[in-house]
């Protein structure tokens, strides 16, 4: 497993399927809708520890 959260930005034809796959993976994966959103969520994850 992952020791740190993984922040991703998904875009494309099958984005919903990709998000569902990641959500069902059992890993701590944070999804952002834009690069700015993903960057903000990465900073939040870092601050929260």
PDB file of N, CA and C in Angstrom:
ATOM      1  N   UNK A   1       0.815  -1.191   0.000  1.00  0.00           N
ATOM      2  CA  UNK A   1       0.000   0.000   0.000  1.00  0.00           C
ATOM      3  C   UNK A   1       0.854   1.248   0.000  1.00  0.00           C
ATOM      4  N   UNK A   2       0.195   2.345  -0.018  1.00  0.00           N
ATOM      5  CA  UNK A   2       0.864   3.643  -0.006  1.00  0.00           C
ATOM      6  C   UNK A   2       0.956   4.174   1.412  1.00  0.00           C
ATOM      7  N   UNK A   3       2.094   4.754   1.755  1.00  0.00           N
ATOM      8  CA  UNK A   3       2.251   5.366   3.068  1.00  0.00           C
ATOM      9  C   UNK A   3       1.774   6.812   3.070  1.00  0.00           C
ATOM     10  N   UNK A   4       1.748   7.425   1.905  1.00  0.00           N
ATOM     11  CA  UNK A   4       1.295   8.807   1.746  1.00  0.00           C
ATOM     12  C   UNK A   4       0.110   8.831   0.798  1.00  0.00           C
ATOM     13  N   UNK A   5      -0.758   9.830   0.928  1.00  0.00           N
ATOM     14  CA  UNK A   5      -1.865   9.920  -0.030  1.00  0.00           C
ATOM     15  C   UNK A   5      -1.342  10.250  -1.422  1.00  0.00           C
ATOM     16  N   UNK A   6      -1.996   9.726  -2.420  1.00  0.00           N
ATOM     17  CA  UNK A   6      -1.672   9.995  -3.817  1.00  0.00           C
ATOM     18  C   UNK A   6      -2.716  10.959  -4.353  1.00  0.00           C
ATOM     19  N   UNK A   7      -2.267  12.076  -4.914  1.00  0.00           N
ATOM     20  CA  UNK A   7      -3.177  13.072  -5.480  1.00  0.00           C
ATOM     21  C   UNK A   7      -3.075  12.987  -6.994  1.00  0.00           C
ATOM     22  N   UNK A   8      -4.227  12.832  -7.654  1.00  0.00           N
ATOM     23  CA  UNK A   8      -4.248  12.692  -9.110  1.00  0.00           C
ATOM     24  C   UNK A   8      -5.246  13.665  -9.718  1.00  0.00           C
ATOM     25  N   UNK A   9      -5.013  13.976 -10.986  1.00  0.00           N
ATOM     26  CA  UNK A   9      -5.984  14.734 -11.771  1.00  0.00           C
ATOM     27  C   UNK A   9      -6.306  13.871 -12.974  1.00  0.00           C
ATOM     28  N   UNK A  10      -7.568  13.542 -13.104  1.00  0.00           N
ATOM     29  CA  UNK A  10      -8.001  12.695 -14.213  1.00  0.00           C
ATOM     30  C   UNK A  10      -8.825  13.514 -15.185  1.00  0.00           C
ATOM     31  N   UNK A  11      -8.630  13.245 -16.468  1.00  0.00           N
ATOM     32  CA  UNK A  11      -9.411  13.920 -17.498  1.00  0.00           C
ATOM     33  C   UNK A  11      -9.479  12.992 -18.700  1.00  0.00           C
ATOM     34  N   UNK A  12     -10.601  13.013 -19.390  1.00  0.00           N
ATOM     35  CA  UNK A  12     -10.713  12.214 -20.607  1.00  0.00           C
ATOM     36  C   UNK A  12     -12.056  11.531 -20.727  1.00  0.00           C
ATOM     37  N   UNK A  13     -12.135  10.653 -21.706  1.00  0.00           N
ATOM     38  CA  UNK A  13     -13.400   9.991 -22.027  1.00  0.00           C
ATOM     39  C   UNK A  13     -13.923   9.107 -20.907  1.00  0.00           C
ATOM     40  N   UNK A  14     -13.045   8.439 -20.199  1.00  0.00           N
ATOM     41  CA  UNK A  14     -13.470   7.480 -19.177  1.00  0.00           C
ATOM     42  C   UNK A  14     -13.121   7.943 -17.768  1.00  0.00           C
ATOM     43  N   UNK A  15     -13.203   9.249 -17.537  1.00  0.00           N
ATOM     44  CA  UNK A  15     -12.811   9.791 -16.244  1.00  0.00           C
ATOM     45  C   UNK A  15     -13.651   9.213 -15.105  1.00  0.00           C
ATOM     46  N   UNK A  16     -14.935   9.042 -15.309  1.00  0.00           N
ATOM     47  CA  UNK A  16     -15.784   8.498 -14.239  1.00  0.00           C
ATOM     48  C   UNK A  16     -15.402   7.056 -13.917  1.00  0.00           C
ATOM     49  N   UNK A  17     -15.117   6.269 -14.937  1.00  0.00           N
ATOM     50  CA  UNK A  17     -14.691   4.882 -14.713  1.00  0.00           C
ATOM     51  C   UNK A  17     -13.349   4.854 -13.985  1.00  0.00           C
ATOM     52  N   UNK A  18     -12.456   5.761 -14.352  1.00  0.00           N
ATOM     53  CA  UNK A  18     -11.162   5.834 -13.681  1.00  0.00           C
ATOM     54  C   UNK A  18     -11.296   6.205 -12.222  1.00  0.00           C
ATOM     55  N   UNK A  19     -12.144   7.181 -11.939  1.00  0.00           N
ATOM     56  CA  UNK A  19     -12.376   7.585 -10.550  1.00  0.00           C
ATOM     57  C   UNK A  19     -12.983   6.441  -9.745  1.00  0.00           C
ATOM     58  N   UNK A  20     -13.896   5.701 -10.357  1.00  0.00           N
ATOM     59  CA  UNK A  20     -14.515   4.563  -9.672  1.00  0.00           C
ATOM     60  C   UNK A  20     -13.475   3.484  -9.377  1.00  0.00           C
ATOM     61  N   UNK A  21     -12.594   3.228 -10.324  1.00  0.00           N
ATOM     62  CA  UNK A  21     -11.537   2.236 -10.121  1.00  0.00           C
ATOM     63  C   UNK A  21     -10.617   2.654  -8.982  1.00  0.00           C
ATOM     64  N   UNK A  22     -10.221   3.914  -8.969  1.00  0.00           N
ATOM     65  CA  UNK A  22      -9.353   4.406  -7.900  1.00  0.00           C
ATOM     66  C   UNK A  22     -10.057   4.364  -6.551  1.00  0.00           C
ATOM     67  N   UNK A  23     -11.331   4.734  -6.522  1.00  0.00           N
ATOM     68  CA  UNK A  23     -12.095   4.723  -5.270  1.00  0.00           C
ATOM     69  C   UNK A  23     -12.210   3.315  -4.706  1.00  0.00           C
ATOM     70  N   UNK A  24     -12.297   2.328  -5.569  1.00  0.00           N
ATOM     71  CA  UNK A  24     -12.427   0.947  -5.124  1.00  0.00           C
ATOM     72  C   UNK A  24     -11.105   0.252  -4.860  1.00  0.00           C
ATOM     73  N   UNK A  25      -9.995   0.964  -5.007  1.00  0.00           N
ATOM     74  CA  UNK A  25      -8.678   0.337  -4.877  1.00  0.00           C
ATOM     75  C   UNK A  25      -8.276   0.068  -3.432  1.00  0.00           C
ATOM     76  N   UNK A  26      -8.912   0.754  -2.498  1.00  0.00           N
ATOM     77  CA  UNK A  26      -8.529   0.599  -1.099  1.00  0.00           C
ATOM     78  C   UNK A  26      -7.335   1.460  -0.706  1.00  0.00           C
ATOM     79  N   UNK A  27      -6.800   2.224  -1.658  1.00  0.00           N
ATOM     80  CA  UNK A  27      -5.671   3.103  -1.387  1.00  0.00           C
ATOM     81  C   UNK A  27      -6.174   4.513  -1.088  1.00  0.00           C
ATOM     82  N   UNK A  28      -5.337   5.298  -0.423  1.00  0.00           N
ATOM     83  CA  UNK A  28      -5.680   6.687  -0.153  1.00  0.00           C
ATOM     84  C   UNK A  28      -5.331   7.504  -1.389  1.00  0.00           C
ATOM     85  N   UNK A  29      -6.322   7.734  -2.239  1.00  0.00           N
ATOM     86  CA  UNK A  29      -6.124   8.476  -3.476  1.00  0.00           C
ATOM     87  C   UNK A  29      -7.095   9.650  -3.487  1.00  0.00           C
ATOM     88  N   UNK A  30      -6.557  10.844  -3.668  1.00  0.00           N
ATOM     89  CA  UNK A  30      -7.346  12.068  -3.697  1.00  0.00           C
ATOM     90  C   UNK A  30      -7.391  12.548  -5.140  1.00  0.00           C
ATOM     91  N   UNK A  31      -8.584  12.787  -5.643  1.00  0.00           N
ATOM     92  CA  UNK A  31      -8.755  13.188  -7.034  1.00  0.00           C
ATOM     93  C   UNK A  31      -9.102  14.664  -7.130  1.00  0.00           C
ATOM     94  N   UNK A  32      -8.399  15.361  -8.020  1.00  0.00           N
ATOM     95  CA  UNK A  32      -8.690  16.759  -8.301  1.00  0.00           C
ATOM     96  C   UNK A  32      -9.258  16.897  -9.697  1.00  0.00           C
ATOM     97  N   UNK A  33     -10.132  17.871  -9.885  1.00  0.00           N
ATOM     98  CA  UNK A  33     -10.757  18.073 -11.192  1.00  0.00           C
ATOM     99  C   UNK A  33      -9.880  18.886 -12.139  1.00  0.00           C
ATOM    100  N   UNK A  34      -9.022  19.744 -11.589  1.00  0.00           N
ATOM    101  CA  UNK A  34      -8.096  20.549 -12.386  1.00  0.00           C
ATOM    102  C   UNK A  34      -6.718  20.439 -11.739  1.00  0.00           C
ATOM    103  N   UNK A  35      -5.691  20.908 -12.444  1.00  0.00           N
ATOM    104  CA  UNK A  35      -4.349  20.890 -11.854  1.00  0.00           C
ATOM    105  C   UNK A  35      -4.302  21.769 -10.608  1.00  0.00           C
ATOM    106  N   UNK A  36      -4.963  22.912 -10.654  1.00  0.00           N
ATOM    107  CA  UNK A  36      -4.989  23.804  -9.491  1.00  0.00           C
ATOM    108  C   UNK A  36      -5.700  23.137  -8.316  1.00  0.00           C
ATOM    109  N   UNK A  37      -6.809  22.464  -8.587  1.00  0.00           N
ATOM    110  CA  UNK A  37      -7.555  21.754  -7.544  1.00  0.00           C
ATOM    111  C   UNK A  37      -6.706  20.632  -6.954  1.00  0.00           C
ATOM    112  N   UNK A  38      -6.036  19.877  -7.809  1.00  0.00           N
ATOM    113  CA  UNK A  38      -5.180  18.787  -7.336  1.00  0.00           C
ATOM    114  C   UNK A  38      -4.018  19.329  -6.508  1.00  0.00           C
ATOM    115  N   UNK A  39      -3.425  20.445  -6.943  1.00  0.00           N
ATOM    116  CA  UNK A  39      -2.326  21.053  -6.189  1.00  0.00           C
ATOM    117  C   UNK A  39      -2.799  21.517  -4.819  1.00  0.00           C
ATOM    118  N   UNK A  40      -3.979  22.130  -4.777  1.00  0.00           N
ATOM    119  CA  UNK A  40      -4.538  22.587  -3.503  1.00  0.00           C
ATOM    120  C   UNK A  40      -4.800  21.398  -2.579  1.00  0.00           C
ATOM    121  N   UNK A  41      -5.330  20.321  -3.115  1.00  0.00           N
ATOM    122  CA  UNK A  41      -5.602  19.130  -2.310  1.00  0.00           C
ATOM    123  C   UNK A  41      -4.308  18.473  -1.840  1.00  0.00           C
ATOM    124  N   UNK A  42      -3.252  18.536  -2.648  1.00  0.00           N
ATOM    125  CA  UNK A  42      -1.956  17.998  -2.238  1.00  0.00           C
ATOM    126  C   UNK A  42      -1.403  18.782  -1.057  1.00  0.00           C
ATOM    127  N   UNK A  43      -1.518  20.098  -1.107  1.00  0.00           N
ATOM    128  CA  UNK A  43      -1.055  20.940   0.000  1.00  0.00           C
ATOM    129  C   UNK A  43      -1.874  20.654   1.253  1.00  0.00           C
ATOM    130  N   UNK A  44      -3.192  20.517   1.107  1.00  0.00           N
ATOM    131  CA  UNK A  44      -4.048  20.202   2.256  1.00  0.00           C
ATOM    132  C   UNK A  44      -3.653  18.867   2.871  1.00  0.00           C
ATOM    133  N   UNK A  45      -3.368  17.871   2.041  1.00  0.00           N
ATOM    134  CA  UNK A  45      -2.972  16.555   2.545  1.00  0.00           C
ATOM    135  C   UNK A  45      -1.648  16.650   3.294  1.00  0.00           C
ATOM    136  N   UNK A  46      -0.733  17.470   2.804  1.00  0.00           N
ATOM    137  CA  UNK A  46       0.556  17.655   3.462  1.00  0.00           C
ATOM    138  C   UNK A  46       0.383  18.325   4.820  1.00  0.00           C
ATOM    139  N   UNK A  47      -0.446  19.361   4.873  1.00  0.00           N
ATOM    140  CA  UNK A  47      -0.672  20.098   6.117  1.00  0.00           C
ATOM    141  C   UNK A  47      -1.359  19.209   7.156  1.00  0.00           C
ATOM    142  N   UNK A  48      -2.304  18.394   6.707  1.00  0.00           N
ATOM    143  CA  UNK A  48      -3.051  17.536   7.628  1.00  0.00           C
ATOM    144  C   UNK A  48      -2.212  16.366   8.123  1.00  0.00           C
ATOM    145  N   UNK A  49      -1.114  16.099   7.459  1.00  0.00           N
ATOM    146  CA  UNK A  49      -0.188  15.070   7.902  1.00  0.00           C
ATOM    147  C   UNK A  49      -0.584  13.733   7.470  1.00  0.00           C
TER     148      UNK A  49
END
